[in-house]
C-alpha cells in the first residue's frame, strides 16, 4: 500500500512530505546538494575560463594564460558571491520566495 500511494502522489506533495524526513537524513541531503552545486560552479568556471584564456592546448600554460585564468577565476568568484548575496537579501526582504514569483 505504501509504495502505491507514493506513486500516486504528485511531486509537490512529495516535497511537502520532506518535513517528516529524519533530520540527519535531511541534513545529509542538504550537504550533498550544496556539494553538487559547488561542483557545477567549478565546472562552469573552468569551461568559461578555458575558452577565454587558451588559444591552443599545450603541456604548459604560458604566463599570459596563467594570469588570464587567475583573473577569470577571481571575477567568477566575485560574480557568484554577488549573486548569492543578492539572493539572500531578496529572500530576507520577502519571507515567501514563491509568492514573489507570481506578483
C-alpha atoms as a PDB file:
ATOM      1  CA  UNK A   1       0.000   0.000   0.000  1.00  0.00           C
ATOM      2  CA  UNK A   2       2.723   2.461   0.918  1.00  0.00           C
ATOM      3  CA  UNK A   3       4.548   2.033  -2.400  1.00  0.00           C
ATOM      4  CA  UNK A   4       1.409   2.532  -4.475  1.00  0.00           C
ATOM      5  CA  UNK A   5       0.448   5.654  -2.553  1.00  0.00           C
ATOM      6  CA  UNK A   6       3.887   7.127  -3.282  1.00  0.00           C
ATOM      7  CA  UNK A   7       3.424   6.520  -6.986  1.00  0.00           C
ATOM      8  CA  UNK A   8       0.052   8.276  -6.994  1.00  0.00           C
ATOM      9  CA  UNK A   9       1.272  11.387  -5.197  1.00  0.00           C
ATOM     10  CA  UNK A  10       2.317  14.433  -7.174  1.00  0.00           C
ATOM     11  CA  UNK A  11       5.803  15.917  -6.978  1.00  0.00           C
ATOM     12  CA  UNK A  12       4.520  18.833  -4.892  1.00  0.00           C
ATOM     13  CA  UNK A  13       3.129  16.524  -2.234  1.00  0.00           C
ATOM     14  CA  UNK A  14       6.420  14.615  -2.239  1.00  0.00           C
ATOM     15  CA  UNK A  15       8.255  17.871  -1.495  1.00  0.00           C
ATOM     16  CA  UNK A  16       5.791  18.706   1.285  1.00  0.00           C
ATOM     17  CA  UNK A  17       6.497  15.292   2.817  1.00  0.00           C
ATOM     18  CA  UNK A  18      10.184  16.159   3.262  1.00  0.00           C
ATOM     19  CA  UNK A  19       9.361  17.756   6.609  1.00  0.00           C
ATOM     20  CA  UNK A  20       8.818  14.291   8.086  1.00  0.00           C
ATOM     21  CA  UNK A  21      12.253  13.052   6.955  1.00  0.00           C
ATOM     22  CA  UNK A  22      14.807  12.229   9.643  1.00  0.00           C
ATOM     23  CA  UNK A  23      16.724  15.472  10.433  1.00  0.00           C
ATOM     24  CA  UNK A  24      20.084  13.743   9.949  1.00  0.00           C
ATOM     25  CA  UNK A  25      18.999  12.477   6.526  1.00  0.00           C
ATOM     26  CA  UNK A  26      17.667  15.912   5.618  1.00  0.00           C
ATOM     27  CA  UNK A  27      20.986  17.498   6.651  1.00  0.00           C
ATOM     28  CA  UNK A  28      22.887  14.919   4.586  1.00  0.00           C
ATOM     29  CA  UNK A  29      20.723  15.707   1.547  1.00  0.00           C
ATOM     30  CA  UNK A  30      21.309  19.453   2.006  1.00  0.00           C
ATOM     31  CA  UNK A  31      25.087  18.948   2.260  1.00  0.00           C
ATOM     32  CA  UNK A  32      25.147  16.734  -0.834  1.00  0.00           C
ATOM     33  CA  UNK A  33      23.046  19.267  -2.737  1.00  0.00           C
ATOM     34  CA  UNK A  34      25.491  22.012  -1.776  1.00  0.00           C
ATOM     35  CA  UNK A  35      28.399  19.843  -2.930  1.00  0.00           C
ATOM     36  CA  UNK A  36      26.676  19.262  -6.257  1.00  0.00           C
ATOM     37  CA  UNK A  37      26.047  22.995  -6.697  1.00  0.00           C
ATOM     38  CA  UNK A  38      29.696  23.713  -5.916  1.00  0.00           C
ATOM     39  CA  UNK A  39      30.862  21.120  -8.442  1.00  0.00           C
ATOM     40  CA  UNK A  40      28.586  22.644 -11.091  1.00  0.00           C
ATOM     41  CA  UNK A  41      30.018  26.096 -10.371  1.00  0.00           C
ATOM     42  CA  UNK A  42      33.581  24.804 -10.689  1.00  0.00           C
ATOM     43  CA  UNK A  43      32.708  23.110 -13.971  1.00  0.00           C
ATOM     44  CA  UNK A  44      31.094  26.289 -15.343  1.00  0.00           C
ATOM     45  CA  UNK A  45      34.049  28.371 -14.186  1.00  0.00           C
ATOM     46  CA  UNK A  46      36.597  26.061 -15.795  1.00  0.00           C
ATOM     47  CA  UNK A  47      34.660  25.911 -19.056  1.00  0.00           C
ATOM     48  CA  UNK A  48      34.284  29.686 -19.229  1.00  0.00           C
ATOM     49  CA  UNK A  49      37.879  30.462 -18.285  1.00  0.00           C
ATOM     50  CA  UNK A  50      39.328  27.734 -20.506  1.00  0.00           C
ATOM     51  CA  UNK A  51      37.536  29.135 -23.565  1.00  0.00           C
ATOM     52  CA  UNK A  52      38.538  32.687 -22.688  1.00  0.00           C
ATOM     53  CA  UNK A  53      42.179  32.128 -21.757  1.00  0.00           C
ATOM     54  CA  UNK A  54      43.576  29.409 -24.003  1.00  0.00           C
ATOM     55  CA  UNK A  55      44.258  29.763 -27.696  1.00  0.00           C
ATOM     56  CA  UNK A  56      45.663  26.277 -28.124  1.00  0.00           C
ATOM     57  CA  UNK A  57      46.193  23.397 -25.712  1.00  0.00           C
ATOM     58  CA  UNK A  58      49.721  22.621 -24.683  1.00  0.00           C
ATOM     59  CA  UNK A  59      51.687  20.822 -21.984  1.00  0.00           C
ATOM     60  CA  UNK A  60      52.180  24.056 -20.009  1.00  0.00           C
ATOM     61  CA  UNK A  61      50.365  27.374 -19.598  1.00  0.00           C
ATOM     62  CA  UNK A  62      52.293  30.469 -20.576  1.00  0.00           C
ATOM     63  CA  UNK A  63      52.368  33.438 -18.192  1.00  0.00           C
ATOM     64  CA  UNK A  64      49.664  35.308 -20.144  1.00  0.00           C
ATOM     65  CA  UNK A  65      47.259  32.358 -19.978  1.00  0.00           C
ATOM     66  CA  UNK A  66      48.038  31.795 -16.289  1.00  0.00           C
ATOM     67  CA  UNK A  67      47.336  35.450 -15.446  1.00  0.00           C
ATOM     68  CA  UNK A  68      44.139  35.260 -17.504  1.00  0.00           C
ATOM     69  CA  UNK A  69      42.997  32.158 -15.573  1.00  0.00           C
ATOM     70  CA  UNK A  70      43.674  33.810 -12.218  1.00  0.00           C
ATOM     71  CA  UNK A  71      41.754  36.934 -13.239  1.00  0.00           C
ATOM     72  CA  UNK A  72      38.893  34.915 -14.736  1.00  0.00           C
ATOM     73  CA  UNK A  73      38.521  32.732 -11.642  1.00  0.00           C
ATOM     74  CA  UNK A  74      38.591  35.760  -9.336  1.00  0.00           C
ATOM     75  CA  UNK A  75      35.903  37.546 -11.404  1.00  0.00           C
ATOM     76  CA  UNK A  76      33.791  34.373 -11.487  1.00  0.00           C
ATOM     77  CA  UNK A  77      34.003  34.044  -7.698  1.00  0.00           C
ATOM     78  CA  UNK A  78      33.199  37.741  -7.216  1.00  0.00           C
ATOM     79  CA  UNK A  79      30.178  37.463  -9.501  1.00  0.00           C
ATOM     80  CA  UNK A  80      28.931  34.276  -7.849  1.00  0.00           C
ATOM     81  CA  UNK A  81      29.292  35.834  -4.400  1.00  0.00           C
ATOM     82  CA  UNK A  82      27.455  38.967  -5.525  1.00  0.00           C
ATOM     83  CA  UNK A  83      24.567  36.878  -6.886  1.00  0.00           C
ATOM     84  CA  UNK A  84      24.360  34.779  -3.708  1.00  0.00           C
ATOM     85  CA  UNK A  85      24.358  37.899  -1.517  1.00  0.00           C
ATOM     86  CA  UNK A  86      21.639  39.471  -3.656  1.00  0.00           C
ATOM     87  CA  UNK A  87      19.501  36.329  -3.432  1.00  0.00           C
ATOM     88  CA  UNK A  88      19.927  36.252   0.355  1.00  0.00           C
ATOM     89  CA  UNK A  89      18.855  39.910   0.591  1.00  0.00           C
ATOM     90  CA  UNK A  90      15.843  39.222  -1.607  1.00  0.00           C
ATOM     91  CA  UNK A  91      14.799  36.229   0.481  1.00  0.00           C
ATOM     92  CA  UNK A  92      15.152  38.211   3.723  1.00  0.00           C
ATOM     93  CA  UNK A  93      13.030  41.075   2.402  1.00  0.00           C
ATOM     94  CA  UNK A  94      10.334  38.721   1.054  1.00  0.00           C
ATOM     95  CA  UNK A  95       9.574  35.903   3.521  1.00  0.00           C
ATOM     96  CA  UNK A  96       7.924  33.619   0.966  1.00  0.00           C
ATOM     97  CA  UNK A  97      10.004  33.465  -2.194  1.00  0.00           C
ATOM     98  CA  UNK A  98       7.388  31.564  -4.204  1.00  0.00           C
ATOM     99  CA  UNK A  99       4.829  34.350  -3.702  1.00  0.00           C
ATOM    100  CA  UNK A 100       7.184  36.916  -5.209  1.00  0.00           C
ATOM    101  CA  UNK A 101       7.316  34.884  -8.426  1.00  0.00           C
ATOM    102  CA  UNK A 102       3.640  35.485  -9.038  1.00  0.00           C
ATOM    103  CA  UNK A 103       3.474  39.214  -8.213  1.00  0.00           C
END
